[in-house]
Amino acid sequence: MLSTVMLMDWLAERHNDIKFELVGKLVEDGLYQALKEDVKTKDLGGSASTSEFAEAISLQINQSIKYKLISYFKSRIIKR
């Protein structure tokens, strides 16, 4: 998973496109949040399957995006 983050950083630099960096940050944050919530594969001392671990990361990414969108739209409404 961290190799995906590294790839996104490289793509951001290579193409001068911050969107890749933002995607990498979402993946990295989702990964660490899943670990914090003790969702780990066997090689990390947990019991989750690879699919379960990936799903936990995906859920964290989705929650982060929802939170950021809600915050964005709330700030836009308040400015009016």
PDB file of N, CA and C in Angstrom:
ATOM      1  N   MET A   1       0.821  -1.191   0.000  1.00  0.00           N
ATOM      2  CA  MET A   1       0.000   0.000   0.000  1.00  0.00           C
ATOM      3  C   MET A   1       0.870   1.262   0.000  1.00  0.00           C
ATOM      4  N   LEU A   2       1.913   1.226   0.770  1.00  0.00           N
ATOM      5  CA  LEU A   2       2.788   2.410   0.791  1.00  0.00           C
ATOM      6  C   LEU A   2       3.492   2.605  -0.545  1.00  0.00           C
ATOM      7  N   SER A   3       3.670   1.528  -1.300  1.00  0.00           N
ATOM      8  CA  SER A   3       4.250   1.688  -2.635  1.00  0.00           C
ATOM      9  C   SER A   3       3.291   2.465  -3.545  1.00  0.00           C
ATOM     10  N   THR A   4       1.990   2.343  -3.298  1.00  0.00           N
ATOM     11  CA  THR A   4       1.008   3.133  -4.046  1.00  0.00           C
ATOM     12  C   THR A   4       1.175   4.618  -3.740  1.00  0.00           C
ATOM     13  N   VAL A   5       1.409   4.919  -2.474  1.00  0.00           N
ATOM     14  CA  VAL A   5       1.650   6.306  -2.058  1.00  0.00           C
ATOM     15  C   VAL A   5       2.897   6.847  -2.757  1.00  0.00           C
ATOM     16  N   MET A   6       3.940   6.041  -2.777  1.00  0.00           N
ATOM     17  CA  MET A   6       5.175   6.458  -3.443  1.00  0.00           C
ATOM     18  C   MET A   6       4.947   6.679  -4.936  1.00  0.00           C
ATOM     19  N   LEU A   7       4.163   5.807  -5.561  1.00  0.00           N
ATOM     20  CA  LEU A   7       3.851   5.959  -6.976  1.00  0.00           C
ATOM     21  C   LEU A   7       3.088   7.261  -7.220  1.00  0.00           C
ATOM     22  N   MET A   8       2.113   7.558  -6.376  1.00  0.00           N
ATOM     23  CA  MET A   8       1.336   8.789  -6.538  1.00  0.00           C
ATOM     24  C   MET A   8       2.226  10.022  -6.389  1.00  0.00           C
ATOM     25  N   ASP A   9       3.158   9.983  -5.449  1.00  0.00           N
ATOM     26  CA  ASP A   9       4.102  11.101  -5.279  1.00  0.00           C
ATOM     27  C   ASP A   9       4.969  11.262  -6.526  1.00  0.00           C
ATOM     28  N   TRP A  10       5.429  10.142  -7.060  1.00  0.00           N
ATOM     29  CA  TRP A  10       6.259  10.197  -8.262  1.00  0.00           C
ATOM     30  C   TRP A  10       5.461  10.752  -9.442  1.00  0.00           C
ATOM     31  N   LEU A  11       4.218  10.267  -9.610  1.00  0.00           N
ATOM     32  CA  LEU A  11       3.377  10.755 -10.696  1.00  0.00           C
ATOM     33  C   LEU A  11       3.086  12.246 -10.552  1.00  0.00           C
ATOM     34  N   ALA A  12       2.870  12.685  -9.327  1.00  0.00           N
ATOM     35  CA  ALA A  12       2.617  14.110  -9.083  1.00  0.00           C
ATOM     36  C   ALA A  12       3.804  14.950  -9.537  1.00  0.00           C
ATOM     37  N   GLU A  13       4.977  14.480  -9.193  1.00  0.00           N
ATOM     38  CA  GLU A  13       6.186  15.214  -9.581  1.00  0.00           C
ATOM     39  C   GLU A  13       6.426  15.116 -11.088  1.00  0.00           C
ATOM     40  N   ARG A  14       6.275  13.938 -11.623  1.00  0.00           N
ATOM     41  CA  ARG A  14       6.548  13.697 -13.043  1.00  0.00           C
ATOM     42  C   ARG A  14       5.632  14.514 -13.949  1.00  0.00           C
ATOM     43  N   HIS A  15       4.352  14.603 -13.554  1.00  0.00           N
ATOM     44  CA  HIS A  15       3.366  15.285 -14.389  1.00  0.00           C
ATOM     45  C   HIS A  15       2.980  16.665 -13.845  1.00  0.00           C
ATOM     46  N   ASN A  16       3.666  17.060 -12.779  1.00  0.00           N
ATOM     47  CA  ASN A  16       3.380  18.358 -12.162  1.00  0.00           C
ATOM     48  C   ASN A  16       1.877  18.507 -11.898  1.00  0.00           C
ATOM     49  N   ASP A  17       1.309  17.494 -11.220  1.00  0.00           N
ATOM     50  CA  ASP A  17      -0.130  17.432 -10.994  1.00  0.00           C
ATOM     51  C   ASP A  17      -0.399  17.049  -9.542  1.00  0.00           C
ATOM     52  N   ILE A  18      -0.879  17.993  -8.780  1.00  0.00           N
ATOM     53  CA  ILE A  18      -1.098  17.787  -7.344  1.00  0.00           C
ATOM     54  C   ILE A  18      -2.174  16.742  -7.057  1.00  0.00           C
ATOM     55  N   LYS A  19      -3.049  16.468  -8.028  1.00  0.00           N
ATOM     56  CA  LYS A  19      -4.113  15.481  -7.792  1.00  0.00           C
ATOM     57  C   LYS A  19      -3.538  14.116  -7.417  1.00  0.00           C
ATOM     58  N   PHE A  20      -2.436  13.737  -8.045  1.00  0.00           N
ATOM     59  CA  PHE A  20      -1.811  12.455  -7.702  1.00  0.00           C
ATOM     60  C   PHE A  20      -1.331  12.464  -6.253  1.00  0.00           C
ATOM     61  N   GLU A  21      -0.751  13.569  -5.846  1.00  0.00           N
ATOM     62  CA  GLU A  21      -0.272  13.691  -4.467  1.00  0.00           C
ATOM     63  C   GLU A  21      -1.441  13.611  -3.481  1.00  0.00           C
ATOM     64  N   LEU A  22      -2.555  14.233  -3.818  1.00  0.00           N
ATOM     65  CA  LEU A  22      -3.727  14.189  -2.949  1.00  0.00           C
ATOM     66  C   LEU A  22      -4.274  12.769  -2.820  1.00  0.00           C
ATOM     67  N   VAL A  23      -4.291  12.032  -3.918  1.00  0.00           N
ATOM     68  CA  VAL A  23      -4.739  10.635  -3.872  1.00  0.00           C
ATOM     69  C   VAL A  23      -3.794   9.819  -2.981  1.00  0.00           C
ATOM     70  N   GLY A  24      -2.501  10.026  -3.142  1.00  0.00           N
ATOM     71  CA  GLY A  24      -1.528   9.336  -2.301  1.00  0.00           C
ATOM     72  C   GLY A  24      -1.732   9.632  -0.835  1.00  0.00           C
ATOM     73  N   LYS A  25      -2.040  10.885  -0.519  1.00  0.00           N
ATOM     74  CA  LYS A  25      -2.272  11.280   0.879  1.00  0.00           C
ATOM     75  C   LYS A  25      -3.522  10.600   1.424  1.00  0.00           C
ATOM     76  N   LEU A  26      -4.563  10.502   0.615  1.00  0.00           N
ATOM     77  CA  LEU A  26      -5.779   9.802   1.046  1.00  0.00           C
ATOM     78  C   LEU A  26      -5.491   8.334   1.348  1.00  0.00           C
ATOM     79  N   VAL A  27      -4.724   7.689   0.478  1.00  0.00           N
ATOM     80  CA  VAL A  27      -4.377   6.275   0.687  1.00  0.00           C
ATOM     81  C   VAL A  27      -3.542   6.123   1.960  1.00  0.00           C
ATOM     82  N   GLU A  28      -2.538   6.971   2.108  1.00  0.00           N
ATOM     83  CA  GLU A  28      -1.671   6.887   3.282  1.00  0.00           C
ATOM     84  C   GLU A  28      -2.458   7.112   4.573  1.00  0.00           C
ATOM     85  N   ASP A  29      -3.287   8.141   4.597  1.00  0.00           N
ATOM     86  CA  ASP A  29      -4.090   8.404   5.793  1.00  0.00           C
ATOM     87  C   ASP A  29      -5.059   7.270   6.078  1.00  0.00           C
ATOM     88  N   GLY A  30      -5.673   6.724   5.018  1.00  0.00           N
ATOM     89  CA  GLY A  30      -6.591   5.600   5.190  1.00  0.00           C
ATOM     90  C   GLY A  30      -5.901   4.370   5.743  1.00  0.00           C
ATOM     91  N   LEU A  31      -4.706   4.129   5.267  1.00  0.00           N
ATOM     92  CA  LEU A  31      -3.925   2.985   5.743  1.00  0.00           C
ATOM     93  C   LEU A  31      -3.605   3.121   7.229  1.00  0.00           C
ATOM     94  N   TYR A  32      -3.094   4.278   7.616  1.00  0.00           N
ATOM     95  CA  TYR A  32      -2.731   4.470   9.026  1.00  0.00           C
ATOM     96  C   TYR A  32      -3.947   4.481   9.939  1.00  0.00           C
ATOM     97  N   GLN A  33      -5.072   4.989   9.449  1.00  0.00           N
ATOM     98  CA  GLN A  33      -6.291   4.971  10.256  1.00  0.00           C
ATOM     99  C   GLN A  33      -6.788   3.538  10.438  1.00  0.00           C
ATOM    100  N   ALA A  34      -6.708   2.728   9.397  1.00  0.00           N
ATOM    101  CA  ALA A  34      -7.112   1.315   9.512  1.00  0.00           C
ATOM    102  C   ALA A  34      -6.228   0.599  10.530  1.00  0.00           C
ATOM    103  N   LEU A  35      -4.932   0.860  10.474  1.00  0.00           N
ATOM    104  CA  LEU A  35      -4.024   0.246  11.449  1.00  0.00           C
ATOM    105  C   LEU A  35      -4.335   0.723  12.868  1.00  0.00           C
ATOM    106  N   LYS A  36      -4.640   2.000  12.986  1.00  0.00           N
ATOM    107  CA  LYS A  36      -4.985   2.567  14.295  1.00  0.00           C
ATOM    108  C   LYS A  36      -6.224   1.891  14.871  1.00  0.00           C
ATOM    109  N   GLU A  37      -7.147   1.517  13.981  1.00  0.00           N
ATOM    110  CA  GLU A  37      -8.366   0.835  14.412  1.00  0.00           C
ATOM    111  C   GLU A  37      -8.160  -0.669  14.525  1.00  0.00           C
ATOM    112  N   ASP A  38      -6.910  -1.084  14.476  1.00  0.00           N
ATOM    113  CA  ASP A  38      -6.488  -2.467  14.678  1.00  0.00           C
ATOM    114  C   ASP A  38      -6.971  -3.426  13.594  1.00  0.00           C
ATOM    115  N   VAL A  39      -7.125  -2.925  12.388  1.00  0.00           N
ATOM    116  CA  VAL A  39      -7.405  -3.795  11.245  1.00  0.00           C
ATOM    117  C   VAL A  39      -6.049  -4.093  10.612  1.00  0.00           C
ATOM    118  N   LYS A  40      -5.586  -5.330  10.818  1.00  0.00           N
ATOM    119  CA  LYS A  40      -4.257  -5.724  10.355  1.00  0.00           C
ATOM    120  C   LYS A  40      -4.305  -7.113   9.749  1.00  0.00           C
ATOM    121  N   THR A  41      -3.454  -7.319   8.766  1.00  0.00           N
ATOM    122  CA  THR A  41      -3.317  -8.647   8.185  1.00  0.00           C
ATOM    123  C   THR A  41      -2.436  -9.503   9.106  1.00  0.00           C
ATOM    124  N   LYS A  42      -2.394 -10.786   8.836  1.00  0.00           N
ATOM    125  CA  LYS A  42      -1.651 -11.712   9.696  1.00  0.00           C
ATOM    126  C   LYS A  42      -0.173 -11.351   9.816  1.00  0.00           C
ATOM    127  N   ASP A  43       0.425 -10.870   8.723  1.00  0.00           N
ATOM    128  CA  ASP A  43       1.847 -10.528   8.776  1.00  0.00           C
ATOM    129  C   ASP A  43       2.119  -9.324   9.676  1.00  0.00           C
ATOM    130  N   LEU A  44       1.065  -8.580  10.019  1.00  0.00           N
ATOM    131  CA  LEU A  44       1.211  -7.435  10.926  1.00  0.00           C
ATOM    132  C   LEU A  44       0.676  -7.752  12.324  1.00  0.00           C
ATOM    133  N   GLY A  45       0.371  -9.024  12.544  1.00  0.00           N
ATOM    134  CA  GLY A  45      -0.107  -9.449  13.858  1.00  0.00           C
ATOM    135  C   GLY A  45      -1.613  -9.419  14.028  1.00  0.00           C
ATOM    136  N   GLY A  46      -2.339  -9.258  12.941  1.00  0.00           N
ATOM    137  CA  GLY A  46      -3.797  -9.221  13.005  1.00  0.00           C
ATOM    138  C   GLY A  46      -4.420 -10.469  12.433  1.00  0.00           C
ATOM    139  N   SER A  47      -5.703 -10.381  12.173  1.00  0.00           N
ATOM    140  CA  SER A  47      -6.414 -11.545  11.638  1.00  0.00           C
ATOM    141  C   SER A  47      -7.172 -11.225  10.351  1.00  0.00           C
ATOM    142  N   ALA A  48      -7.087 -10.000   9.868  1.00  0.00           N
ATOM    143  CA  ALA A  48      -7.827  -9.601   8.664  1.00  0.00           C
ATOM    144  C   ALA A  48      -7.197 -10.212   7.413  1.00  0.00           C
ATOM    145  N   SER A  49      -8.050 -10.533   6.454  1.00  0.00           N
ATOM    146  CA  SER A  49      -7.545 -10.969   5.153  1.00  0.00           C
ATOM    147  C   SER A  49      -7.064  -9.736   4.392  1.00  0.00           C
ATOM    148  N   THR A  50      -6.373  -9.970   3.306  1.00  0.00           N
ATOM    149  CA  THR A  50      -5.920  -8.860   2.473  1.00  0.00           C
ATOM    150  C   THR A  50      -7.110  -8.044   1.980  1.00  0.00           C
ATOM    151  N   SER A  51      -8.171  -8.722   1.583  1.00  0.00           N
ATOM    152  CA  SER A  51      -9.387  -8.042   1.118  1.00  0.00           C
ATOM    153  C   SER A  51     -10.024  -7.212   2.216  1.00  0.00           C
ATOM    154  N   GLU A  52     -10.074  -7.741   3.414  1.00  0.00           N
ATOM    155  CA  GLU A  52     -10.645  -7.003   4.548  1.00  0.00           C
ATOM    156  C   GLU A  52      -9.815  -5.768   4.877  1.00  0.00           C
ATOM    157  N   PHE A  53      -8.501  -5.914   4.807  1.00  0.00           N
ATOM    158  CA  PHE A  53      -7.616  -4.782   5.065  1.00  0.00           C
ATOM    159  C   PHE A  53      -7.813  -3.702   4.006  1.00  0.00           C
ATOM    160  N   ALA A  54      -7.865  -4.102   2.747  1.00  0.00           N
ATOM    161  CA  ALA A  54      -8.082  -3.147   1.659  1.00  0.00           C
ATOM    162  C   ALA A  54      -9.447  -2.466   1.801  1.00  0.00           C
ATOM    163  N   GLU A  55     -10.460  -3.217   2.193  1.00  0.00           N
ATOM    164  CA  GLU A  55     -11.794  -2.655   2.402  1.00  0.00           C
ATOM    165  C   GLU A  55     -11.786  -1.624   3.533  1.00  0.00           C
ATOM    166  N   ALA A  56     -11.061  -1.914   4.610  1.00  0.00           N
ATOM    167  CA  ALA A  56     -10.958  -0.967   5.729  1.00  0.00           C
ATOM    168  C   ALA A  56     -10.296   0.330   5.276  1.00  0.00           C
ATOM    169  N   ILE A  57      -9.276   0.223   4.457  1.00  0.00           N
ATOM    170  CA  ILE A  57      -8.598   1.416   3.925  1.00  0.00           C
ATOM    171  C   ILE A  57      -9.554   2.188   3.024  1.00  0.00           C
ATOM    172  N   SER A  58     -10.281   1.473   2.168  1.00  0.00           N
ATOM    173  CA  SER A  58     -11.249   2.102   1.268  1.00  0.00           C
ATOM    174  C   SER A  58     -12.322   2.852   2.055  1.00  0.00           C
ATOM    175  N   LEU A  59     -12.812   2.245   3.110  1.00  0.00           N
ATOM    176  CA  LEU A  59     -13.819   2.903   3.945  1.00  0.00           C
ATOM    177  C   LEU A  59     -13.267   4.185   4.568  1.00  0.00           C
ATOM    178  N   GLN A  60     -12.030   4.128   5.020  1.00  0.00           N
ATOM    179  CA  GLN A  60     -11.406   5.313   5.607  1.00  0.00           C
ATOM    180  C   GLN A  60     -11.267   6.426   4.566  1.00  0.00           C
ATOM    181  N   ILE A  61     -10.876   6.059   3.362  1.00  0.00           N
ATOM    182  CA  ILE A  61     -10.745   7.046   2.284  1.00  0.00           C
ATOM    183  C   ILE A  61     -12.102   7.684   1.993  1.00  0.00           C
ATOM    184  N   ASN A  62     -13.136   6.863   1.892  1.00  0.00           N
ATOM    185  CA  ASN A  62     -14.478   7.382   1.624  1.00  0.00           C
ATOM    186  C   ASN A  62     -14.952   8.316   2.725  1.00  0.00           C
ATOM    187  N   GLN A  63     -14.700   7.956   3.976  1.00  0.00           N
ATOM    188  CA  GLN A  63     -15.091   8.818   5.095  1.00  0.00           C
ATOM    189  C   GLN A  63     -14.346  10.144   5.033  1.00  0.00           C
ATOM    190  N   SER A  64     -13.083  10.096   4.708  1.00  0.00           N
ATOM    191  CA  SER A  64     -12.281  11.310   4.617  1.00  0.00           C
ATOM    192  C   SER A  64     -12.800  12.226   3.510  1.00  0.00           C
ATOM    193  N   ILE A  65     -13.125  11.645   2.368  1.00  0.00           N
ATOM    194  CA  ILE A  65     -13.647  12.439   1.252  1.00  0.00           C
ATOM    195  C   ILE A  65     -14.990  13.062   1.628  1.00  0.00           C
ATOM    196  N   LYS A  66     -15.871  12.280   2.235  1.00  0.00           N
ATOM    197  CA  LYS A  66     -17.173  12.807   2.657  1.00  0.00           C
ATOM    198  C   LYS A  66     -17.001  13.966   3.634  1.00  0.00           C
ATOM    199  N   TYR A  67     -16.119  13.797   4.601  1.00  0.00           N
ATOM    200  CA  TYR A  67     -15.876  14.847   5.596  1.00  0.00           C
ATOM    201  C   TYR A  67     -15.366  16.110   4.914  1.00  0.00           C
ATOM    202  N   LYS A  68     -14.426  15.956   4.000  1.00  0.00           N
ATOM    203  CA  LYS A  68     -13.860  17.122   3.307  1.00  0.00           C
ATOM    204  C   LYS A  68     -14.902  17.808   2.434  1.00  0.00           C
ATOM    205  N   LEU A  69     -15.747  17.042   1.769  1.00  0.00           N
ATOM    206  CA  LEU A  69     -16.805  17.645   0.946  1.00  0.00           C
ATOM    207  C   LEU A  69     -17.826  18.383   1.800  1.00  0.00           C
ATOM    208  N   ILE A  70     -18.227  17.771   2.898  1.00  0.00           N
ATOM    209  CA  ILE A  70     -19.177  18.426   3.797  1.00  0.00           C
ATOM    210  C   ILE A  70     -18.580  19.720   4.339  1.00  0.00           C
ATOM    211  N   SER A  71     -17.324  19.676   4.757  1.00  0.00           N
ATOM    212  CA  SER A  71     -16.660  20.873   5.267  1.00  0.00           C
ATOM    213  C   SER A  71     -16.585  21.954   4.205  1.00  0.00           C
ATOM    214  N   TYR A  72     -16.274  21.555   2.982  1.00  0.00           N
ATOM    215  CA  TYR A  72     -16.182  22.508   1.880  1.00  0.00           C
ATOM    216  C   TYR A  72     -17.525  23.196   1.646  1.00  0.00           C
ATOM    217  N   PHE A  73     -18.583  22.410   1.534  1.00  0.00           N
ATOM    218  CA  PHE A  73     -19.883  22.997   1.239  1.00  0.00           C
ATOM    219  C   PHE A  73     -20.417  23.817   2.409  1.00  0.00           C
ATOM    220  N   LYS A  74     -20.133  23.399   3.628  1.00  0.00           N
ATOM    221  CA  LYS A  74     -20.532  24.207   4.776  1.00  0.00           C
ATOM    222  C   LYS A  74     -19.849  25.558   4.749  1.00  0.00           C
ATOM    223  N   SER A  75     -18.579  25.575   4.405  1.00  0.00           N
ATOM    224  CA  SER A  75     -17.846  26.845   4.357  1.00  0.00           C
ATOM    225  C   SER A  75     -18.381  27.737   3.239  1.00  0.00           C
ATOM    226  N   ARG A  76     -18.822  27.135   2.148  1.00  0.00           N
ATOM    227  CA  ARG A  76     -19.393  27.911   1.037  1.00  0.00           C
ATOM    228  C   ARG A  76     -20.749  28.520   1.428  1.00  0.00           C
ATOM    229  N   ILE A  77     -21.524  27.788   2.169  1.00  0.00           N
ATOM    230  CA  ILE A  77     -22.840  28.266   2.611  1.00  0.00           C
ATOM    231  C   ILE A  77     -22.671  29.398   3.607  1.00  0.00           C
ATOM    232  N   ILE A  78     -21.736  29.253   4.529  1.00  0.00           N
ATOM    233  CA  ILE A  78     -21.506  30.267   5.562  1.00  0.00           C
ATOM    234  C   ILE A  78     -21.044  31.588   4.924  1.00  0.00           C
ATOM    235  N   LYS A  79     -20.267  31.527   3.853  1.00  0.00           N
ATOM    236  CA  LYS A  79     -19.762  32.726   3.184  1.00  0.00           C
ATOM    237  C   LYS A  79     -20.867  33.532   2.520  1.00  0.00           C
ATOM    238  N   ARG A  80     -21.972  32.913   2.215  1.00  0.00           N
ATOM    239  CA  ARG A  80     -23.073  33.607   1.515  1.00  0.00           C
ATOM    240  C   ARG A  80     -23.824  34.418   2.463  1.00  0.00           C
TER     241      ARG A  80
END
